[in-house]
Amino acid sequence: QVQLVESGGGLVQAGGSLRLSCAASRSIFAVTSMGWYRQAPGKQRELVASITNGGMRTYADSVKGRFGISRDNAKNTVTLQMTSLKPEDTGVYYCNTRARNSIGPTDYVYWGQGTQVTVSS
């Protein structure tokens, strides 16, 4: 029922900037956090950045000082502003949303379809 739709991926030269956006098709009840993951070929998926419902931000060490995450709770959107991009930032970026599950022990998890980010050298 809920879909996460990413936009903003593309090709950019090293040192450039890119903005990724993610929007939910409908309001998600009891969201605990929203974030972005990325995966390069042959590598494990890794957390890039996340933001909790209280506004606490977490960043991968490799992107600290270069990426910024923000969200608009009313609009059910989350944005990743990427600057000073490096070739190693290349990968498929996935939007992720977690919501509290009052029945089970774990959160509901929603994923976007992914958007390609390619940084040329």
Protein backbone atom coordinates (compact mmCIF):
# COMPACT_ATOMS: atom_id res chain seq x y z
CA GLN A 1 0.00 0.00 0.00
CA VAL A 2 2.82 2.40 0.88
CA GLN A 3 5.37 3.28 -1.78
CA LEU A 4 8.58 5.26 -1.42
CA VAL A 5 9.59 7.08 -4.59
CA GLU A 6 13.13 8.42 -5.00
CA SER A 7 14.27 11.09 -7.40
CA GLY A 8 17.36 13.15 -8.14
CA GLY A 9 19.91 10.51 -9.06
CA GLY A 10 22.17 10.90 -12.05
CA LEU A 11 25.68 11.46 -13.31
CA VAL A 12 27.90 14.11 -11.78
CA GLN A 13 31.59 14.95 -11.88
CA ALA A 14 33.78 14.57 -8.83
CA GLY A 15 33.45 17.60 -6.61
CA GLY A 16 29.92 18.24 -7.75
CA SER A 17 26.63 18.16 -5.90
CA LEU A 18 23.42 16.21 -6.11
CA ARG A 19 20.15 16.23 -4.20
CA LEU A 20 18.12 13.08 -3.63
CA SER A 21 14.50 13.21 -2.56
CA CYS A 22 12.13 10.55 -1.34
CA ALA A 23 8.39 10.85 -0.97
CA ALA A 24 5.87 8.42 0.47
CA SER A 25 2.74 7.72 -1.52
CA ARG A 26 0.71 8.16 1.62
CA SER A 27 1.22 9.08 5.23
CA ILE A 28 2.99 6.45 7.30
CA PHE A 29 1.81 6.05 10.85
CA ALA A 30 4.29 6.13 13.72
CA VAL A 31 7.49 6.70 11.73
CA THR A 32 10.59 6.23 13.87
CA SER A 33 13.26 7.10 11.32
CA MET A 34 13.93 7.79 7.67
CA GLY A 35 17.20 7.43 5.86
CA TRP A 36 19.29 6.57 2.86
CA TYR A 37 21.33 3.47 2.12
CA ARG A 38 23.59 2.78 -0.82
CA GLN A 39 25.02 -0.27 -2.49
CA ALA A 40 27.80 -0.56 -5.05
CA PRO A 41 28.36 -3.69 -7.18
CA GLY A 42 30.10 -6.37 -5.15
CA LYS A 43 29.73 -4.45 -1.92
CA GLN A 44 27.42 -4.66 1.06
CA ARG A 45 24.58 -2.23 1.47
CA GLU A 46 25.54 0.50 3.90
CA LEU A 47 23.78 3.23 5.78
CA VAL A 48 24.59 6.65 4.39
CA ALA A 49 22.47 8.87 6.61
CA SER A 50 19.37 8.69 8.75
CA ILE A 51 17.18 10.98 10.79
CA THR A 52 14.92 9.95 13.65
CA ASN A 53 11.46 11.26 14.39
CA GLY A 54 13.11 13.46 17.00
CA GLY A 55 15.55 14.97 14.52
CA MET A 56 18.70 13.09 15.50
CA ARG A 57 20.98 12.60 12.51
CA THR A 58 23.44 9.81 11.84
CA TYR A 59 26.01 9.77 9.04
CA ALA A 60 28.47 7.25 7.73
CA ASP A 61 32.02 8.32 8.54
CA SER A 62 32.82 8.53 4.84
CA VAL A 63 30.21 11.21 4.18
CA LYS A 64 30.40 13.35 7.31
CA GLY A 65 30.86 16.99 6.44
CA ARG A 66 29.75 16.43 2.85
CA PHE A 67 26.18 15.10 3.04
CA GLY A 68 23.17 16.50 4.84
CA ILE A 69 19.86 14.81 5.55
CA SER A 70 16.58 16.55 6.25
CA ARG A 71 12.93 15.68 6.37
CA ASP A 72 9.49 17.18 6.31
CA ASN A 73 7.21 15.13 8.52
CA ALA A 74 4.06 16.84 7.29
CA LYS A 75 4.89 16.05 3.68
CA ASN A 76 6.33 12.58 4.34
CA THR A 77 9.54 13.41 2.52
CA VAL A 78 13.23 13.00 3.21
CA THR A 79 16.06 14.68 1.33
CA LEU A 80 19.76 13.92 1.02
CA GLN A 81 21.93 16.83 -0.07
CA MET A 82 25.26 15.55 -1.35
CA THR A 83 28.23 17.84 -1.96
CA SER A 84 31.91 17.35 -2.77
CA LEU A 85 31.02 14.04 -4.37
CA LYS A 86 33.71 11.42 -4.90
CA PRO A 87 33.86 8.44 -7.28
CA GLU A 88 33.53 6.13 -4.28
CA ASP A 89 30.09 7.62 -3.64
CA THR A 90 28.87 5.83 -6.76
CA GLY A 91 26.09 3.33 -6.17
CA VAL A 92 22.38 2.73 -6.00
CA TYR A 93 20.79 4.81 -3.28
CA TYR A 94 17.73 3.49 -1.50
CA CYS A 95 15.28 5.42 0.60
CA ASN A 96 14.29 3.70 3.83
CA THR A 97 11.53 4.35 6.32
CA ARG A 98 10.90 2.58 9.61
CA ALA A 99 7.67 2.72 11.56
CA ARG A 100 6.69 1.45 14.97
CA ASN A 101 4.92 -1.90 15.05
CA SER A 102 2.66 -2.08 18.08
CA ILE A 103 2.02 -5.80 17.57
CA GLY A 104 5.40 -7.35 16.85
CA PRO A 105 8.89 -6.82 18.29
CA THR A 106 10.35 -5.15 15.21
CA ASP A 107 9.55 -2.07 13.15
CA TYR A 108 7.81 -2.05 9.83
CA VAL A 109 10.37 -1.38 7.10
CA TYR A 110 9.71 0.27 3.75
CA TRP A 111 12.14 0.61 0.85
CA GLY A 112 12.24 2.65 -2.30
CA GLN A 113 13.13 1.16 -5.66
CA GLY A 114 16.55 2.80 -5.70
CA THR A 115 18.11 5.58 -7.75
CA GLN A 116 21.50 5.42 -9.44
CA VAL A 117 24.20 7.91 -8.50
CA THR A 118 27.34 7.91 -10.62
CA VAL A 119 30.32 10.13 -9.85
CA SER A 120 32.91 10.39 -12.57
CA SER A 121 36.58 11.08 -11.92
